[in-house]
Protein backbone atom coordinates (compact mmCIF):
# COMPACT_ATOMS: atom_id res chain seq x y z
CA UNK A 1 190.09 127.46 57.36
CA UNK A 2 187.57 130.31 57.40
CA UNK A 3 188.54 133.73 58.32
CA UNK A 4 186.23 136.86 59.67
CA UNK A 5 184.71 139.03 57.12
CA UNK A 6 184.21 136.69 54.24
CA UNK A 7 180.95 135.38 52.44
CA UNK A 8 181.05 131.54 51.74
CA UNK A 9 178.88 129.89 49.44
CA UNK A 10 178.42 126.13 50.58
CA UNK A 11 176.74 123.50 48.60
CA UNK A 12 174.91 120.71 50.41
CA UNK A 13 173.83 117.35 49.36
CA UNK A 14 171.09 116.91 47.00
CA UNK A 15 170.08 113.51 48.61
CA UNK A 16 172.68 111.40 49.96
CA UNK A 17 174.61 112.93 53.02
CA UNK A 18 177.69 111.26 52.01
CA UNK A 19 178.01 113.66 49.36
CA UNK A 20 179.16 116.83 51.24
CA UNK A 21 182.63 117.67 51.20
CA UNK A 22 185.15 117.73 54.05
CA UNK A 23 185.88 121.37 53.21
CA UNK A 24 182.10 122.14 53.25
CA UNK A 25 182.06 120.61 56.91
CA UNK A 26 185.00 122.62 57.72
CA UNK A 27 183.52 126.05 56.70
CA UNK A 28 180.10 125.19 58.39
CA UNK A 29 181.86 124.69 61.59
CA UNK A 30 184.02 127.61 61.82
CA UNK A 31 181.58 130.42 60.32
CA UNK A 32 179.86 132.91 62.50
CA UNK A 33 176.73 132.51 60.81
CA UNK A 34 174.87 130.26 58.35
CA UNK A 35 172.22 131.92 56.06
CA UNK A 36 169.76 129.32 55.15
CA UNK A 37 166.96 129.01 52.53
CA UNK A 38 165.06 127.14 55.20
CA UNK A 39 166.43 127.07 58.86
CA UNK A 40 164.65 124.07 59.84
CA UNK A 41 166.36 122.05 56.65
CA UNK A 42 169.64 123.38 57.48
CA UNK A 43 169.14 123.15 60.93
CA UNK A 44 168.74 119.08 60.36
CA UNK A 45 171.67 118.94 58.38
CA UNK A 46 173.76 120.66 60.74
CA UNK A 47 172.73 118.56 63.60
CA UNK A 48 173.39 115.57 61.78
CA UNK A 49 177.09 116.38 61.35
CA UNK A 50 177.16 117.70 64.96
CA UNK A 51 177.51 121.15 64.02
CA UNK A 52 175.97 124.16 66.09
CA UNK A 53 175.72 127.77 64.65
CA UNK A 54 173.61 130.72 64.67
CA UNK A 55 170.99 130.33 61.68
CA UNK A 56 169.31 133.02 59.78
CA UNK A 57 166.73 132.88 57.14
CA UNK A 58 167.81 134.00 53.55
CA UNK A 59 165.33 133.08 50.78
CA UNK A 60 163.59 134.31 47.54
CA UNK A 61 160.84 136.32 49.63
CA UNK A 62 163.34 138.25 51.81
CA UNK A 63 166.95 137.95 49.89
CA UNK A 64 166.97 141.62 48.73
CA UNK A 65 166.45 143.03 52.29
CA UNK A 66 168.53 140.30 53.84
CA UNK A 67 171.44 140.44 51.40
CA UNK A 68 172.00 144.05 53.00
CA UNK A 69 171.97 142.80 56.71
CA UNK A 70 174.41 139.92 55.67
CA UNK A 71 176.96 142.31 54.01
CA UNK A 72 176.75 144.55 57.15
CA UNK A 73 177.65 141.52 59.19
CA UNK A 74 180.54 140.61 57.16
CA UNK A 75 181.93 144.10 57.09
CA UNK A 76 181.51 144.01 60.92
CA UNK A 77 184.06 141.19 60.82
CA UNK A 78 181.61 137.90 60.93
CA UNK A 79 181.99 135.20 58.34
CA UNK A 80 178.75 133.98 56.73
CA UNK A 81 178.01 130.86 55.10
CA UNK A 82 175.07 130.88 52.41
CA UNK A 83 173.43 127.50 52.06
CA UNK A 84 170.30 126.45 50.23
CA UNK A 85 167.99 123.57 50.90
CA UNK A 86 169.95 121.31 48.61
CA UNK A 87 172.73 121.94 45.94
CA UNK A 88 174.75 124.98 45.12
CA UNK A 89 173.65 128.35 46.34
CA UNK A 90 172.61 130.58 43.04
CA UNK A 91 171.88 127.47 40.71
CA UNK A 92 167.96 128.06 40.80
CA UNK A 93 168.15 129.19 44.32
CA UNK A 94 169.09 132.43 46.33
CA UNK A 95 172.31 133.81 46.22
CA UNK A 96 172.66 136.18 43.54
CA UNK A 97 171.84 139.28 45.54
CA UNK A 98 173.96 138.83 48.48
CA UNK A 99 176.88 137.70 46.03
CA UNK A 100 176.36 141.09 44.17
CA UNK A 101 176.05 143.21 47.07
CA UNK A 102 179.36 141.67 48.51
CA UNK A 103 181.22 142.41 45.44
CA UNK A 104 179.81 145.91 45.61
CA UNK A 105 180.97 146.23 49.29
CA UNK A 106 184.53 144.75 48.34
CA UNK A 107 184.08 141.51 50.36
CA UNK A 108 185.85 138.71 49.62
CA UNK A 109 183.65 135.57 48.35
CA UNK A 110 184.64 131.88 48.64
CA UNK A 111 182.45 129.85 46.62
CA UNK A 112 182.90 126.02 47.27
CA UNK A 113 182.57 123.36 44.85
CA UNK A 114 179.99 120.74 45.33
CA UNK A 115 176.59 118.91 44.80
CA UNK A 116 174.30 120.01 42.10
CA UNK A 117 171.59 117.89 40.02
CA UNK A 118 172.42 119.52 36.75
CA UNK A 119 175.91 117.40 36.17
CA UNK A 120 174.93 113.93 37.10
CA UNK A 121 171.63 114.20 35.29
CA UNK A 122 173.45 115.17 32.12
CA UNK A 123 176.35 112.82 32.39
CA UNK A 124 174.02 109.87 32.99
CA UNK A 125 171.54 110.92 30.44
CA UNK A 126 173.45 109.37 27.73
CA UNK A 127 173.29 112.46 25.36
CA UNK A 128 175.96 114.88 24.24
CA UNK A 129 177.75 116.48 27.41
CA UNK A 130 180.50 118.63 25.40
CA UNK A 131 178.08 121.73 25.17
CA UNK A 132 175.04 122.28 27.19
CA UNK A 133 172.61 125.01 27.69
CA UNK A 134 171.20 125.05 31.41
CA UNK A 135 167.64 126.84 31.41
CA UNK A 136 166.49 126.04 34.97
CA UNK A 137 162.73 126.05 35.51
CA UNK A 138 160.38 127.03 32.57
CA UNK A 139 157.75 129.55 33.22
CA UNK A 140 154.57 128.51 35.06
CA UNK A 141 152.28 129.84 32.73
CA UNK A 142 151.34 127.74 29.47
CA UNK A 143 152.05 130.45 27.26
CA UNK A 144 155.23 131.96 28.64
CA UNK A 145 156.47 128.22 28.71
CA UNK A 146 155.70 127.52 25.17
CA UNK A 147 157.49 131.04 24.17
CA UNK A 148 160.52 129.91 26.08
CA UNK A 149 160.80 126.66 24.70
CA UNK A 150 160.63 128.12 21.11
CA UNK A 151 163.37 130.34 22.00
CA UNK A 152 165.69 127.62 23.02
CA UNK A 153 164.42 124.99 20.54
CA UNK A 154 167.03 126.06 18.00
CA UNK A 155 169.95 125.51 20.48
CA UNK A 156 172.23 122.97 19.19
CA UNK A 157 173.44 122.34 22.67
CA UNK A 158 171.97 119.80 24.91
CA UNK A 159 169.13 121.42 27.04
CA UNK A 160 168.86 120.87 30.82
CA UNK A 161 165.79 121.89 32.87
CA UNK A 162 164.50 121.53 36.26
CA UNK A 163 160.73 121.10 36.97
CA UNK A 164 158.47 120.13 39.78
CA UNK A 165 156.49 117.07 40.15
CA UNK A 166 153.24 118.71 40.00
CA UNK A 167 154.14 120.27 36.60
CA UNK A 168 155.93 117.56 34.92
CA UNK A 169 153.31 116.21 32.78
CA UNK A 170 152.13 119.69 31.18
CA UNK A 171 155.96 120.43 30.75
CA UNK A 172 156.69 117.29 29.00
CA UNK A 173 153.67 117.56 26.82
CA UNK A 174 154.68 120.94 25.88
CA UNK A 175 158.09 119.66 25.13
CA UNK A 176 156.80 117.18 22.66
CA UNK A 177 154.86 119.67 20.84
CA UNK A 178 157.29 122.33 20.74
CA UNK A 179 160.82 120.44 20.38
CA UNK A 180 159.45 117.53 18.44
CA UNK A 181 160.04 113.72 19.35
CA UNK A 182 163.79 114.33 20.41
CA UNK A 183 165.84 111.84 22.46
CA UNK A 184 165.99 112.73 26.29
CA UNK A 185 166.08 111.82 29.63
CA UNK A 186 164.17 112.70 32.73
CA UNK A 187 166.06 112.08 36.03
CA UNK A 188 164.47 111.76 39.58
CA UNK A 189 165.57 111.75 42.99
CA UNK A 190 169.45 111.70 42.00
CA UNK A 191 171.46 110.00 44.87
CA UNK A 192 168.47 109.23 47.02
CA UNK A 193 166.85 105.77 47.63
CA UNK A 194 164.30 106.12 44.84
CA UNK A 195 166.84 107.62 41.92
CA UNK A 196 165.59 106.84 38.30
CA UNK A 197 166.51 107.85 34.99
CA UNK A 198 163.91 107.41 32.31
CA UNK A 199 165.65 107.34 28.77
CA UNK A 200 164.02 107.42 25.33
CA UNK A 201 162.39 109.96 22.98
CA UNK A 202 160.14 112.77 24.64
CA UNK A 203 156.90 110.93 23.48
CA UNK A 204 158.18 107.87 25.05
CA UNK A 205 159.05 109.60 28.48
CA UNK A 206 155.57 111.00 28.18
CA UNK A 207 153.95 107.61 27.59
CA UNK A 208 156.05 106.16 30.58
CA UNK A 209 154.87 108.83 33.01
CA UNK A 210 151.42 109.15 31.72
CA UNK A 211 148.61 108.46 34.54
CA UNK A 212 151.69 108.09 37.01
CA UNK A 213 152.42 110.42 39.99
CA UNK A 214 156.02 111.41 39.48
CA UNK A 215 157.54 112.53 42.77
CA UNK A 216 161.01 113.97 43.83
CA UNK A 217 163.35 116.54 42.42
CA UNK A 218 163.55 116.27 38.49
CA UNK A 219 165.75 117.11 35.95
CA UNK A 220 164.99 116.96 32.27
CA UNK A 221 167.88 116.45 29.58
CA UNK A 222 166.98 117.06 26.20
CA UNK A 223 168.98 116.64 22.75
CA UNK A 224 169.75 119.74 20.96
CA UNK A 225 168.71 120.83 17.73
CA UNK A 226 171.39 119.19 15.52
CA UNK A 227 171.71 115.91 17.27
CA UNK A 228 170.11 114.09 14.30
CA UNK A 229 173.00 115.01 12.44
CA UNK A 230 175.54 113.41 14.98
């Protein structure tokens, strides 16, 4: 049960609303304030579970300024839950700055376990799961993207990336060019109605999505550099 003067990091479903935990619902029901990446998205989620809370925006464009206000509110005795549009706060979404500010202020932090696209994409990929490297989103610009792929290309760990639909074709092409034709898996819309896993070599995946509009949230899992030795 939440108590006053604490910061809670609360994961929310990445698709299927049934993936929310009982503890997450308890915390969201009891805190004073919910800090949201998008108040409209979080508002719909809370309404679905019949939870009424004061919502404030907390996203990448106001994160630095808003973190101080959240810490001030907690120091004054309020409990605050940070949520993102989907998944765990801080994983390619805002949360780092408010966590850092809370630590510096001596505020207690409770991070709840819960949904994230990384783990189901990895475990369903068919690639080694004992060691993996999470890169997140690659740079948008072609040159920077290539340099980052070159930097991680020698890693023996399985590689995990996020990508957006409008960049997926360029990104997979760059991966084929820089990393070679490694085994990979493109996971799409995890836990949602049109969930899909496209497995094969990077070249085969590129061929499968060529000329196709690839929609939804995307995770790319790629074999590490030593996979051929397995």
